[in-house]
Amino acid sequence: MRPVAYVLLLIPGLLGAEVPEGFRSVFNGRNLAGWHMSLSNHHGDTKEWRVFEGALVGQQDHEGNGGILLTDESFGDFEVYIEIRPDFGCDGGLFLRSSQSGQAYQVMLDYLEGGNVGGVFGERLDGVRMKESQGWQAAWKEDGWNAVRARIQGAAPQIKVWINDVEVVDFQDTANHLPNEAVTGSLAVQVHGGDRCRPGLEHRFRNIAVREF
């Protein structure tokens, strides 16, 4: 794998944030400008989205009520760079080409006992065969921030995922399984609903940036 070059990018409100060269920020580190809640996804409509110390923080606002937060902007072929620090015991996800109701190709952020981080799943998509990541535990830092990159390309997408610059999955779909065979959609972050998370456990996201192809 070719080494990733990094540059110092001064994001307002987040002095010294580093993202890979050629990426542009889609989260300003100060507020939720450019993002909005989904009111129609099946995980819930949690209001517990906030910005704290330059990070986007989400959690269930009451037992079982999760949700997703989407970019106002849509993307097609792109790569996302994001740093994550979830509390152990909470499931979440990074959604690629998401609809407003959360139908998307999902990078799993399943940080529970026996869970999987970095695998690819079809969130409310029929016909997508899940592919779990391999070796993510060796690349993962339990007590710090972890850099995740996910690249999606093609109508029947190929998705690659890296954790801390280690490739953990290479997924190729057999067809475009998005609604109406969409080739663009929002980027979204998820706090899982139901019993796969609970109030008080947080997902944290920072230095969110994309590059389009």
N, C-alpha and C. Protein backbone atom coordinates (compact mmCIF):
# COMPACT_ATOMS: atom_id res chain seq x y z
N MET A 1 0.84 -1.20 0.00
CA MET A 1 0.00 0.00 0.00
C MET A 1 0.88 1.25 0.00
N ARG A 2 0.53 2.21 -0.83
CA ARG A 2 1.31 3.45 -0.90
C ARG A 2 1.11 4.27 0.36
N PRO A 3 2.16 4.80 0.95
CA PRO A 3 2.01 5.62 2.16
C PRO A 3 1.12 6.83 1.90
N VAL A 4 0.34 7.20 2.91
CA VAL A 4 -0.55 8.35 2.81
C VAL A 4 0.17 9.59 3.29
N ALA A 5 0.18 10.63 2.47
CA ALA A 5 0.81 11.89 2.87
C ALA A 5 -0.16 12.71 3.69
N TYR A 6 0.35 13.36 4.74
CA TYR A 6 -0.48 14.19 5.59
C TYR A 6 0.03 15.63 5.54
N VAL A 7 -0.90 16.55 5.65
CA VAL A 7 -0.56 17.97 5.71
C VAL A 7 -1.26 18.58 6.90
N LEU A 8 -0.73 19.68 7.36
CA LEU A 8 -1.36 20.41 8.45
C LEU A 8 -2.45 21.29 7.86
N LEU A 9 -3.68 21.02 8.25
CA LEU A 9 -4.83 21.78 7.77
C LEU A 9 -5.45 22.50 8.94
N LEU A 10 -5.46 23.83 8.88
CA LEU A 10 -6.00 24.60 9.99
C LEU A 10 -7.49 24.80 9.78
N ILE A 11 -8.28 24.02 10.47
CA ILE A 11 -9.73 24.11 10.41
C ILE A 11 -10.19 25.07 11.48
N PRO A 12 -11.03 26.06 11.14
CA PRO A 12 -11.48 27.01 12.15
C PRO A 12 -12.07 26.30 13.35
N GLY A 13 -11.60 26.68 14.53
CA GLY A 13 -12.11 26.08 15.75
C GLY A 13 -11.42 24.78 16.11
N LEU A 14 -10.50 24.29 15.24
CA LEU A 14 -9.85 23.03 15.51
C LEU A 14 -8.39 23.14 15.09
N LEU A 15 -7.66 23.98 15.81
CA LEU A 15 -6.29 24.30 15.45
C LEU A 15 -5.43 23.04 15.43
N GLY A 16 -4.67 22.87 14.32
CA GLY A 16 -3.72 21.78 14.25
C GLY A 16 -4.31 20.46 13.79
N ALA A 17 -5.54 20.43 13.31
CA ALA A 17 -6.13 19.19 12.83
C ALA A 17 -5.39 18.71 11.59
N GLU A 18 -5.14 17.41 11.53
CA GLU A 18 -4.44 16.85 10.40
C GLU A 18 -5.36 15.94 9.60
N VAL A 19 -5.44 16.15 8.31
CA VAL A 19 -6.17 15.27 7.40
C VAL A 19 -5.25 15.01 6.21
N PRO A 20 -5.49 13.92 5.47
CA PRO A 20 -4.60 13.62 4.36
C PRO A 20 -4.62 14.71 3.28
N GLU A 21 -3.52 14.85 2.60
CA GLU A 21 -3.40 15.82 1.53
C GLU A 21 -4.45 15.54 0.45
N GLY A 22 -5.09 16.59 -0.05
CA GLY A 22 -6.10 16.47 -1.10
C GLY A 22 -7.51 16.33 -0.59
N PHE A 23 -7.70 16.22 0.72
CA PHE A 23 -9.03 16.12 1.31
C PHE A 23 -9.51 17.51 1.75
N ARG A 24 -10.82 17.69 1.79
CA ARG A 24 -11.41 18.94 2.29
C ARG A 24 -12.35 18.62 3.45
N SER A 25 -12.38 19.49 4.42
CA SER A 25 -13.19 19.27 5.60
C SER A 25 -14.68 19.40 5.29
N VAL A 26 -15.49 18.53 5.91
CA VAL A 26 -16.95 18.67 5.85
C VAL A 26 -17.54 18.83 7.25
N PHE A 27 -16.67 19.02 8.24
CA PHE A 27 -17.10 19.29 9.62
C PHE A 27 -16.18 20.34 10.19
N ASN A 28 -16.76 21.44 10.66
CA ASN A 28 -15.93 22.59 11.05
C ASN A 28 -15.40 22.53 12.48
N GLY A 29 -15.78 21.51 13.25
CA GLY A 29 -15.26 21.38 14.60
C GLY A 29 -15.87 22.31 15.62
N ARG A 30 -16.85 23.14 15.20
CA ARG A 30 -17.46 24.11 16.12
C ARG A 30 -18.95 23.89 16.32
N ASN A 31 -19.64 23.52 15.24
CA ASN A 31 -21.09 23.35 15.31
C ASN A 31 -21.52 22.36 14.23
N LEU A 32 -22.83 22.19 14.08
CA LEU A 32 -23.36 21.19 13.15
C LEU A 32 -23.72 21.78 11.80
N ALA A 33 -23.15 22.92 11.46
CA ALA A 33 -23.39 23.51 10.14
C ALA A 33 -23.00 22.52 9.05
N GLY A 34 -23.88 22.35 8.06
CA GLY A 34 -23.63 21.41 6.98
C GLY A 34 -24.12 20.00 7.25
N TRP A 35 -24.73 19.79 8.40
CA TRP A 35 -25.23 18.47 8.79
C TRP A 35 -26.68 18.59 9.24
N HIS A 36 -27.42 17.53 9.16
CA HIS A 36 -28.80 17.52 9.64
C HIS A 36 -29.19 16.12 10.12
N MET A 37 -30.16 16.07 11.01
CA MET A 37 -30.66 14.80 11.54
C MET A 37 -31.64 14.17 10.56
N SER A 38 -31.63 12.86 10.52
CA SER A 38 -32.68 12.13 9.82
C SER A 38 -33.86 11.94 10.77
N LEU A 39 -35.04 12.26 10.29
CA LEU A 39 -36.26 12.07 11.09
C LEU A 39 -37.04 10.86 10.62
N SER A 40 -36.45 10.07 9.69
CA SER A 40 -37.20 8.96 9.10
C SER A 40 -36.42 7.65 9.10
N ASN A 41 -35.30 7.59 9.81
CA ASN A 41 -34.56 6.32 9.84
C ASN A 41 -35.06 5.47 10.99
N HIS A 42 -34.82 4.16 10.89
CA HIS A 42 -35.42 3.24 11.86
C HIS A 42 -34.66 3.17 13.17
N HIS A 43 -33.51 3.85 13.28
CA HIS A 43 -32.75 3.82 14.53
C HIS A 43 -33.25 4.84 15.54
N GLY A 44 -34.04 5.82 15.08
CA GLY A 44 -34.59 6.79 16.00
C GLY A 44 -34.26 8.22 15.62
N ASP A 45 -34.57 9.12 16.51
CA ASP A 45 -34.38 10.55 16.26
C ASP A 45 -33.70 11.23 17.45
N THR A 46 -32.66 10.57 17.97
CA THR A 46 -31.98 11.13 19.13
C THR A 46 -31.61 12.59 18.91
N LYS A 47 -31.80 13.39 19.93
CA LYS A 47 -31.41 14.80 19.88
C LYS A 47 -30.02 15.02 20.46
N GLU A 48 -29.39 13.94 20.91
CA GLU A 48 -28.09 14.05 21.57
C GLU A 48 -26.95 14.06 20.54
N TRP A 49 -26.91 15.11 19.75
CA TRP A 49 -25.78 15.40 18.87
C TRP A 49 -25.22 16.74 19.29
N ARG A 50 -23.93 16.80 19.56
CA ARG A 50 -23.32 18.05 20.00
C ARG A 50 -21.86 18.07 19.56
N VAL A 51 -21.25 19.22 19.68
CA VAL A 51 -19.83 19.36 19.40
C VAL A 51 -19.13 19.68 20.71
N PHE A 52 -18.11 18.88 21.02
CA PHE A 52 -17.37 19.05 22.26
C PHE A 52 -15.89 18.87 21.98
N GLU A 53 -15.11 19.89 22.30
CA GLU A 53 -13.66 19.88 22.11
C GLU A 53 -13.29 19.46 20.69
N GLY A 54 -14.00 20.04 19.72
CA GLY A 54 -13.70 19.83 18.32
C GLY A 54 -14.22 18.54 17.72
N ALA A 55 -14.95 17.75 18.51
CA ALA A 55 -15.46 16.47 18.03
C ALA A 55 -16.99 16.48 17.97
N LEU A 56 -17.52 15.77 17.01
CA LEU A 56 -18.95 15.53 16.90
C LEU A 56 -19.28 14.34 17.78
N VAL A 57 -20.19 14.53 18.73
CA VAL A 57 -20.49 13.51 19.73
C VAL A 57 -21.96 13.14 19.64
N GLY A 58 -22.25 11.85 19.57
CA GLY A 58 -23.63 11.38 19.53
C GLY A 58 -23.87 10.27 20.53
N GLN A 59 -25.09 10.21 21.06
CA GLN A 59 -25.48 9.12 21.93
C GLN A 59 -27.00 8.99 21.92
N GLN A 60 -27.50 7.87 22.42
CA GLN A 60 -28.94 7.73 22.59
C GLN A 60 -29.42 8.74 23.63
N ASP A 61 -30.56 9.39 23.33
CA ASP A 61 -31.08 10.36 24.30
C ASP A 61 -32.04 9.72 25.30
N HIS A 62 -32.56 8.56 24.99
CA HIS A 62 -33.24 7.72 25.97
C HIS A 62 -33.12 6.28 25.49
N GLU A 63 -33.43 5.36 26.34
CA GLU A 63 -33.18 3.95 26.09
C GLU A 63 -33.73 3.53 24.72
N GLY A 64 -32.81 3.04 23.87
CA GLY A 64 -33.20 2.50 22.57
C GLY A 64 -33.27 3.50 21.45
N ASN A 65 -33.20 4.80 21.74
CA ASN A 65 -33.39 5.81 20.70
C ASN A 65 -32.06 6.33 20.18
N GLY A 66 -31.62 5.79 19.04
CA GLY A 66 -30.42 6.26 18.37
C GLY A 66 -30.78 7.17 17.21
N GLY A 67 -29.96 7.16 16.17
CA GLY A 67 -30.25 7.98 15.01
C GLY A 67 -29.04 8.18 14.14
N ILE A 68 -29.22 8.93 13.06
CA ILE A 68 -28.13 9.25 12.16
C ILE A 68 -28.11 10.76 11.89
N LEU A 69 -26.91 11.24 11.62
CA LEU A 69 -26.68 12.63 11.26
C LEU A 69 -26.03 12.63 9.88
N LEU A 70 -26.62 13.38 8.93
CA LEU A 70 -26.20 13.35 7.53
C LEU A 70 -25.61 14.68 7.09
N THR A 71 -24.72 14.62 6.11
CA THR A 71 -24.25 15.84 5.47
C THR A 71 -25.35 16.41 4.58
N ASP A 72 -25.42 17.73 4.50
CA ASP A 72 -26.33 18.35 3.54
C ASP A 72 -25.88 18.06 2.11
N GLU A 73 -24.58 17.91 1.94
CA GLU A 73 -23.98 17.68 0.62
C GLU A 73 -24.06 16.20 0.27
N SER A 74 -24.18 15.92 -1.03
CA SER A 74 -24.17 14.55 -1.53
C SER A 74 -22.86 14.26 -2.24
N PHE A 75 -22.49 12.96 -2.25
CA PHE A 75 -21.25 12.53 -2.85
C PHE A 75 -21.47 11.26 -3.68
N GLY A 76 -20.63 11.08 -4.70
CA GLY A 76 -20.71 9.90 -5.54
C GLY A 76 -19.52 8.99 -5.33
N ASP A 77 -18.52 9.10 -6.20
CA ASP A 77 -17.25 8.39 -6.00
C ASP A 77 -16.38 9.27 -5.11
N PHE A 78 -16.06 8.78 -3.93
CA PHE A 78 -15.30 9.61 -2.99
C PHE A 78 -14.62 8.75 -1.94
N GLU A 79 -13.74 9.39 -1.22
CA GLU A 79 -13.08 8.77 -0.07
C GLU A 79 -13.29 9.69 1.12
N VAL A 80 -13.59 9.10 2.25
CA VAL A 80 -13.77 9.87 3.48
C VAL A 80 -12.67 9.50 4.45
N TYR A 81 -12.16 10.52 5.13
CA TYR A 81 -11.22 10.35 6.24
C TYR A 81 -11.94 10.83 7.49
N ILE A 82 -11.90 10.02 8.54
CA ILE A 82 -12.58 10.38 9.77
C ILE A 82 -11.84 9.75 10.94
N GLU A 83 -11.76 10.48 12.04
CA GLU A 83 -11.17 9.92 13.25
C GLU A 83 -12.30 9.63 14.23
N ILE A 84 -12.24 8.45 14.85
CA ILE A 84 -13.33 8.00 15.69
C ILE A 84 -12.80 7.56 17.05
N ARG A 85 -13.66 7.73 18.05
CA ARG A 85 -13.34 7.25 19.40
C ARG A 85 -14.65 6.86 20.09
N PRO A 86 -15.14 5.66 19.81
CA PRO A 86 -16.39 5.22 20.43
C PRO A 86 -16.15 4.62 21.81
N ASP A 87 -17.12 4.77 22.68
CA ASP A 87 -17.10 4.05 23.95
C ASP A 87 -17.37 2.57 23.67
N PHE A 88 -16.64 1.71 24.37
CA PHE A 88 -16.88 0.28 24.20
C PHE A 88 -18.30 -0.07 24.65
N GLY A 89 -18.96 -0.91 23.85
CA GLY A 89 -20.32 -1.33 24.18
C GLY A 89 -21.39 -0.62 23.36
N CYS A 90 -20.95 0.19 22.37
CA CYS A 90 -21.92 0.92 21.55
C CYS A 90 -21.66 0.65 20.07
N ASP A 91 -22.70 0.28 19.36
CA ASP A 91 -22.65 0.02 17.93
C ASP A 91 -22.96 1.32 17.18
N GLY A 92 -22.30 1.50 16.06
CA GLY A 92 -22.56 2.67 15.23
C GLY A 92 -22.15 2.38 13.80
N GLY A 93 -22.11 3.40 12.97
CA GLY A 93 -21.74 3.18 11.58
C GLY A 93 -21.37 4.46 10.88
N LEU A 94 -20.70 4.27 9.75
CA LEU A 94 -20.36 5.34 8.83
C LEU A 94 -21.07 5.01 7.53
N PHE A 95 -22.01 5.86 7.12
CA PHE A 95 -22.86 5.57 5.97
C PHE A 95 -22.34 6.27 4.72
N LEU A 96 -22.26 5.52 3.63
CA LEU A 96 -21.79 6.03 2.34
C LEU A 96 -22.96 6.04 1.35
N ARG A 97 -23.11 7.17 0.63
CA ARG A 97 -24.22 7.33 -0.34
C ARG A 97 -25.57 7.07 0.33
N SER A 98 -25.77 7.68 1.46
CA SER A 98 -26.97 7.43 2.24
C SER A 98 -28.17 8.21 1.72
N SER A 99 -29.34 7.59 1.77
CA SER A 99 -30.60 8.30 1.57
C SER A 99 -30.95 9.02 2.86
N GLN A 100 -31.98 9.84 2.81
CA GLN A 100 -32.39 10.59 4.00
C GLN A 100 -32.95 9.67 5.08
N SER A 101 -33.42 8.50 4.69
CA SER A 101 -33.94 7.55 5.67
C SER A 101 -32.88 6.54 6.12
N GLY A 102 -31.64 6.71 5.64
CA GLY A 102 -30.56 5.88 6.12
C GLY A 102 -30.31 4.60 5.35
N GLN A 103 -30.83 4.48 4.13
CA GLN A 103 -30.48 3.36 3.27
C GLN A 103 -29.12 3.68 2.65
N ALA A 104 -28.15 2.81 2.88
CA ALA A 104 -26.78 3.16 2.53
C ALA A 104 -25.88 1.93 2.56
N TYR A 105 -24.69 2.13 1.98
CA TYR A 105 -23.60 1.20 2.24
C TYR A 105 -22.94 1.66 3.54
N GLN A 106 -22.85 0.74 4.48
CA GLN A 106 -22.38 1.11 5.82
C GLN A 106 -21.01 0.50 6.11
N VAL A 107 -20.12 1.33 6.63
CA VAL A 107 -18.89 0.84 7.25
C VAL A 107 -19.22 0.63 8.72
N MET A 108 -19.09 -0.61 9.16
CA MET A 108 -19.50 -0.97 10.50
C MET A 108 -18.55 -0.41 11.56
N LEU A 109 -19.13 0.20 12.58
CA LEU A 109 -18.37 0.66 13.75
C LEU A 109 -18.97 -0.03 14.97
N ASP A 110 -18.95 -1.34 14.89
CA ASP A 110 -19.63 -2.21 15.84
C ASP A 110 -18.65 -2.54 16.98
N TYR A 111 -18.60 -1.65 17.96
CA TYR A 111 -17.60 -1.75 19.02
C TYR A 111 -18.20 -2.40 20.26
N LEU A 112 -18.59 -3.65 20.09
CA LEU A 112 -19.13 -4.46 21.17
C LEU A 112 -18.34 -5.76 21.24
N GLU A 113 -18.54 -6.51 22.30
CA GLU A 113 -17.92 -7.82 22.41
C GLU A 113 -18.30 -8.67 21.20
N GLY A 114 -17.29 -9.18 20.49
CA GLY A 114 -17.56 -9.97 19.30
C GLY A 114 -17.95 -9.17 18.08
N GLY A 115 -17.84 -7.84 18.16
CA GLY A 115 -18.26 -6.97 17.06
C GLY A 115 -17.20 -6.86 15.99
N ASN A 116 -17.47 -5.97 15.02
CA ASN A 116 -16.57 -5.80 13.88
C ASN A 116 -16.51 -4.31 13.54
N VAL A 117 -15.29 -3.81 13.40
CA VAL A 117 -15.08 -2.43 12.99
C VAL A 117 -14.41 -2.44 11.62
N GLY A 118 -15.02 -1.75 10.65
CA GLY A 118 -14.45 -1.64 9.32
C GLY A 118 -15.08 -2.53 8.28
N GLY A 119 -15.94 -3.46 8.68
CA GLY A 119 -16.64 -4.29 7.71
C GLY A 119 -17.68 -3.50 6.94
N VAL A 120 -18.19 -4.08 5.86
CA VAL A 120 -19.16 -3.39 5.00
C VAL A 120 -20.49 -4.15 5.04
N PHE A 121 -21.56 -3.37 5.15
CA PHE A 121 -22.91 -3.91 5.34
C PHE A 121 -23.88 -3.07 4.53
N GLY A 122 -24.93 -3.68 4.03
CA GLY A 122 -25.99 -2.94 3.34
C GLY A 122 -27.06 -2.54 4.32
N GLU A 123 -27.07 -1.28 4.73
CA GLU A 123 -28.06 -0.78 5.69
C GLU A 123 -29.40 -0.61 4.99
N ARG A 124 -30.34 -1.53 5.30
CA ARG A 124 -31.67 -1.53 4.69
C ARG A 124 -31.58 -1.69 3.16
N LEU A 125 -30.57 -2.41 2.70
CA LEU A 125 -30.40 -2.70 1.28
C LEU A 125 -30.56 -4.20 1.06
N ASP A 126 -31.49 -4.59 0.20
CA ASP A 126 -31.66 -6.00 -0.12
C ASP A 126 -30.57 -6.47 -1.06
N GLY A 127 -30.05 -7.66 -0.82
CA GLY A 127 -29.13 -8.28 -1.74
C GLY A 127 -27.66 -8.00 -1.51
N VAL A 128 -27.33 -7.23 -0.47
CA VAL A 128 -25.93 -6.93 -0.18
C VAL A 128 -25.42 -7.95 0.83
N ARG A 129 -24.37 -8.63 0.46
CA ARG A 129 -23.78 -9.63 1.34
C ARG A 129 -22.72 -8.95 2.21
N MET A 130 -22.92 -9.02 3.52
CA MET A 130 -21.99 -8.37 4.45
C MET A 130 -20.59 -8.97 4.32
N LYS A 131 -19.59 -8.11 4.41
CA LYS A 131 -18.21 -8.57 4.44
C LYS A 131 -17.53 -7.98 5.66
N GLU A 132 -17.14 -8.84 6.58
CA GLU A 132 -16.47 -8.38 7.79
C GLU A 132 -15.02 -8.02 7.49
N SER A 133 -14.49 -7.08 8.25
CA SER A 133 -13.09 -6.70 8.13
C SER A 133 -12.22 -7.77 8.77
N GLN A 134 -10.97 -7.81 8.34
CA GLN A 134 -10.01 -8.76 8.87
C GLN A 134 -8.83 -8.00 9.47
N GLY A 135 -8.43 -8.40 10.66
CA GLY A 135 -7.25 -7.83 11.29
C GLY A 135 -7.44 -6.45 11.88
N TRP A 136 -8.68 -6.01 12.05
CA TRP A 136 -8.89 -4.66 12.55
C TRP A 136 -8.42 -4.52 14.01
N GLN A 137 -8.52 -5.61 14.78
CA GLN A 137 -8.13 -5.52 16.19
C GLN A 137 -6.65 -5.20 16.35
N ALA A 138 -5.82 -5.71 15.44
CA ALA A 138 -4.39 -5.46 15.53
C ALA A 138 -4.06 -4.01 15.20
N ALA A 139 -4.86 -3.39 14.34
CA ALA A 139 -4.62 -2.00 13.96
C ALA A 139 -5.27 -1.01 14.93
N TRP A 140 -6.23 -1.46 15.70
CA TRP A 140 -7.07 -0.61 16.54
C TRP A 140 -6.36 -0.16 17.81
N LYS A 141 -6.56 1.09 18.19
CA LYS A 141 -6.07 1.62 19.46
C LYS A 141 -7.25 1.73 20.42
N GLU A 142 -7.22 0.97 21.49
CA GLU A 142 -8.35 0.93 22.41
C GLU A 142 -8.50 2.21 23.21
N ASP A 143 -7.40 2.90 23.47
CA ASP A 143 -7.44 4.05 24.37
C ASP A 143 -7.09 5.36 23.67
N GLY A 144 -7.49 5.49 22.43
CA GLY A 144 -7.19 6.73 21.72
C GLY A 144 -8.06 6.87 20.48
N TRP A 145 -7.74 7.88 19.69
CA TRP A 145 -8.44 8.12 18.45
C TRP A 145 -7.91 7.18 17.37
N ASN A 146 -8.81 6.73 16.50
CA ASN A 146 -8.47 5.86 15.39
C ASN A 146 -8.87 6.51 14.08
N ALA A 147 -7.95 6.49 13.12
CA ALA A 147 -8.20 7.07 11.80
C ALA A 147 -8.81 6.01 10.89
N VAL A 148 -9.96 6.31 10.33
CA VAL A 148 -10.64 5.42 9.39
C VAL A 148 -10.74 6.12 8.04
N ARG A 149 -10.37 5.40 6.98
CA ARG A 149 -10.60 5.87 5.62
C ARG A 149 -11.47 4.86 4.91
N ALA A 150 -12.45 5.34 4.16
CA ALA A 150 -13.33 4.48 3.38
C ALA A 150 -13.49 5.08 1.99
N ARG A 151 -13.29 4.25 0.97
CA ARG A 151 -13.37 4.70 -0.42
C ARG A 151 -14.47 3.92 -1.13
N ILE A 152 -15.37 4.63 -1.81
CA ILE A 152 -16.43 4.00 -2.58
C ILE A 152 -16.35 4.50 -4.01
N GLN A 153 -16.35 3.56 -4.96
CA GLN A 153 -16.23 3.89 -6.37
C GLN A 153 -17.09 2.95 -7.20
N GLY A 154 -17.74 3.51 -8.23
CA GLY A 154 -18.49 2.72 -9.18
C GLY A 154 -19.96 2.64 -8.85
N ALA A 155 -20.78 2.38 -9.89
CA ALA A 155 -22.22 2.23 -9.70
C ALA A 155 -22.52 0.99 -8.88
N ALA A 156 -21.92 -0.14 -9.26
CA ALA A 156 -21.91 -1.33 -8.41
C ALA A 156 -20.63 -1.20 -7.59
N PRO A 157 -20.69 -0.66 -6.41
CA PRO A 157 -19.49 -0.08 -5.80
C PRO A 157 -18.47 -1.08 -5.30
N GLN A 158 -17.23 -0.65 -5.44
CA GLN A 158 -16.13 -1.25 -4.70
C GLN A 158 -15.87 -0.35 -3.50
N ILE A 159 -15.75 -0.95 -2.33
CA ILE A 159 -15.51 -0.20 -1.10
C ILE A 159 -14.28 -0.77 -0.42
N LYS A 160 -13.32 0.09 -0.14
CA LYS A 160 -12.14 -0.29 0.62
C LYS A 160 -12.11 0.51 1.92
N VAL A 161 -11.64 -0.13 2.97
CA VAL A 161 -11.60 0.51 4.28
C VAL A 161 -10.22 0.28 4.90
N TRP A 162 -9.69 1.34 5.48
CA TRP A 162 -8.43 1.28 6.21
C TRP A 162 -8.65 1.78 7.64
N ILE A 163 -7.99 1.14 8.59
CA ILE A 163 -7.97 1.60 9.98
C ILE A 163 -6.52 1.88 10.33
N ASN A 164 -6.25 3.13 10.67
CA ASN A 164 -4.88 3.55 10.99
C ASN A 164 -3.90 3.10 9.90
N ASP A 165 -4.32 3.31 8.64
CA ASP A 165 -3.53 3.04 7.44
C ASP A 165 -3.34 1.55 7.15
N VAL A 166 -4.05 0.68 7.85
CA VAL A 166 -4.02 -0.75 7.55
C VAL A 166 -5.31 -1.12 6.83
N GLU A 167 -5.19 -1.67 5.61
CA GLU A 167 -6.39 -2.07 4.87
C GLU A 167 -7.03 -3.28 5.54
N VAL A 168 -8.33 -3.16 5.86
CA VAL A 168 -9.02 -4.23 6.58
C VAL A 168 -10.14 -4.86 5.78
N VAL A 169 -10.56 -4.22 4.68
CA VAL A 169 -11.59 -4.84 3.85
C VAL A 169 -11.52 -4.29 2.43
N ASP A 170 -11.81 -5.16 1.48
CA ASP A 170 -11.97 -4.81 0.07
C ASP A 170 -13.24 -5.50 -0.40
N PHE A 171 -14.29 -4.72 -0.54
CA PHE A 171 -15.63 -5.24 -0.84
C PHE A 171 -16.02 -4.84 -2.25
N GLN A 172 -16.58 -5.78 -3.01
CA GLN A 172 -17.10 -5.49 -4.34
C GLN A 172 -18.53 -5.98 -4.42
N ASP A 173 -19.47 -5.06 -4.63
CA ASP A 173 -20.86 -5.47 -4.76
C ASP A 173 -21.12 -6.04 -6.15
N THR A 174 -22.15 -6.86 -6.24
CA THR A 174 -22.51 -7.49 -7.50
C THR A 174 -23.38 -6.61 -8.37
N ALA A 175 -23.98 -5.59 -7.77
CA ALA A 175 -24.88 -4.66 -8.47
C ALA A 175 -25.04 -3.43 -7.59
N ASN A 176 -25.74 -2.43 -8.12
CA ASN A 176 -26.06 -1.26 -7.31
C ASN A 176 -27.36 -1.55 -6.57
N HIS A 177 -27.28 -1.71 -5.27
CA HIS A 177 -28.44 -2.07 -4.47
C HIS A 177 -29.09 -0.88 -3.77
N LEU A 178 -28.64 0.34 -4.06
CA LEU A 178 -29.28 1.52 -3.47
C LEU A 178 -30.65 1.75 -4.08
N PRO A 179 -31.56 2.42 -3.38
CA PRO A 179 -32.88 2.70 -3.94
C PRO A 179 -32.77 3.45 -5.27
N ASN A 180 -33.49 2.97 -6.26
CA ASN A 180 -33.49 3.56 -7.60
C ASN A 180 -32.09 3.60 -8.22
N GLU A 181 -31.22 2.70 -7.76
CA GLU A 181 -29.85 2.60 -8.25
C GLU A 181 -29.13 3.95 -8.19
N ALA A 182 -29.33 4.64 -7.08
CA ALA A 182 -28.68 5.94 -6.88
C ALA A 182 -27.16 5.78 -6.90
N VAL A 183 -26.49 6.77 -7.43
CA VAL A 183 -25.02 6.76 -7.47
C VAL A 183 -24.42 7.88 -6.61
N THR A 184 -25.28 8.62 -5.93
CA THR A 184 -24.83 9.65 -4.99
C THR A 184 -25.69 9.57 -3.73
N GLY A 185 -25.20 10.18 -2.67
CA GLY A 185 -25.95 10.24 -1.44
C GLY A 185 -25.13 10.95 -0.38
N SER A 186 -25.71 11.10 0.78
CA SER A 186 -25.03 11.79 1.88
C SER A 186 -24.01 10.89 2.55
N LEU A 187 -23.10 11.52 3.23
CA LEU A 187 -22.24 10.86 4.21
C LEU A 187 -22.97 10.98 5.55
N ALA A 188 -22.97 9.94 6.33
CA ALA A 188 -23.70 10.00 7.60
C ALA A 188 -22.96 9.22 8.68
N VAL A 189 -23.19 9.62 9.92
CA VAL A 189 -22.68 8.89 11.09
C VAL A 189 -23.89 8.44 11.90
N GLN A 190 -23.71 7.31 12.57
CA GLN A 190 -24.84 6.65 13.23
C GLN A 190 -24.53 6.32 14.68
N VAL A 191 -25.53 6.49 15.52
CA VAL A 191 -25.59 5.86 16.83
C VAL A 191 -26.71 4.84 16.76
N HIS A 192 -26.39 3.58 17.00
CA HIS A 192 -27.35 2.50 16.82
C HIS A 192 -28.51 2.62 17.79
N GLY A 193 -29.70 2.28 17.30
CA GLY A 193 -30.86 2.24 18.16
C GLY A 193 -30.99 0.88 18.85
N GLY A 194 -32.05 0.70 19.59
CA GLY A 194 -32.30 -0.57 20.26
C GLY A 194 -31.32 -0.82 21.39
N ASP A 195 -31.00 -2.11 21.58
CA ASP A 195 -30.16 -2.49 22.72
C ASP A 195 -28.69 -2.64 22.37
N ARG A 196 -28.28 -2.14 21.19
CA ARG A 196 -26.87 -2.22 20.80
C ARG A 196 -26.09 -0.97 21.17
N CYS A 197 -26.71 -0.14 21.96
CA CYS A 197 -26.07 1.00 22.60
C CYS A 197 -26.96 1.38 23.77
N ARG A 198 -26.57 2.37 24.53
CA ARG A 198 -27.44 2.83 25.61
C ARG A 198 -27.06 4.26 25.97
N PRO A 199 -27.98 5.01 26.56
CA PRO A 199 -27.66 6.38 26.96
C PRO A 199 -26.42 6.42 27.84
N GLY A 200 -25.57 7.42 27.59
CA GLY A 200 -24.34 7.58 28.34
C GLY A 200 -23.12 7.06 27.62
N LEU A 201 -23.31 6.16 26.65
CA LEU A 201 -22.20 5.70 25.82
C LEU A 201 -22.14 6.58 24.57
N GLU A 202 -20.95 7.08 24.26
CA GLU A 202 -20.81 8.07 23.20
C GLU A 202 -20.01 7.55 22.02
N HIS A 203 -20.42 7.99 20.83
CA HIS A 203 -19.59 7.88 19.63
C HIS A 203 -19.03 9.28 19.37
N ARG A 204 -17.73 9.34 19.10
CA ARG A 204 -17.07 10.62 18.86
C ARG A 204 -16.41 10.58 17.49
N PHE A 205 -16.59 11.66 16.72
CA PHE A 205 -16.06 11.77 15.37
C PHE A 205 -15.39 13.13 15.22
N ARG A 206 -14.21 13.17 14.60
CA ARG A 206 -13.56 14.45 14.38
C ARG A 206 -12.77 14.39 13.07
N ASN A 207 -12.28 15.56 12.64
CA ASN A 207 -11.45 15.68 11.43
C ASN A 207 -12.08 14.93 10.25
N ILE A 208 -13.34 15.23 9.99
CA ILE A 208 -14.07 14.55 8.92
C ILE A 208 -13.82 15.29 7.61
N ALA A 209 -13.29 14.60 6.64
CA ALA A 209 -12.91 15.23 5.38
C ALA A 209 -13.10 14.26 4.22
N VAL A 210 -13.32 14.80 3.02
CA VAL A 210 -13.55 13.95 1.85
C VAL A 210 -12.69 14.43 0.69
N ARG A 211 -12.48 13.52 -0.26
CA ARG A 211 -11.98 13.88 -1.56
C ARG A 211 -12.81 13.12 -2.58
N GLU A 212 -13.16 13.79 -3.66
CA GLU A 212 -14.01 13.19 -4.69
C GLU A 212 -13.18 12.85 -5.91
N PHE A 213 -13.63 11.81 -6.63
CA PHE A 213 -12.91 11.33 -7.80
C PHE A 213 -13.66 11.72 -9.08
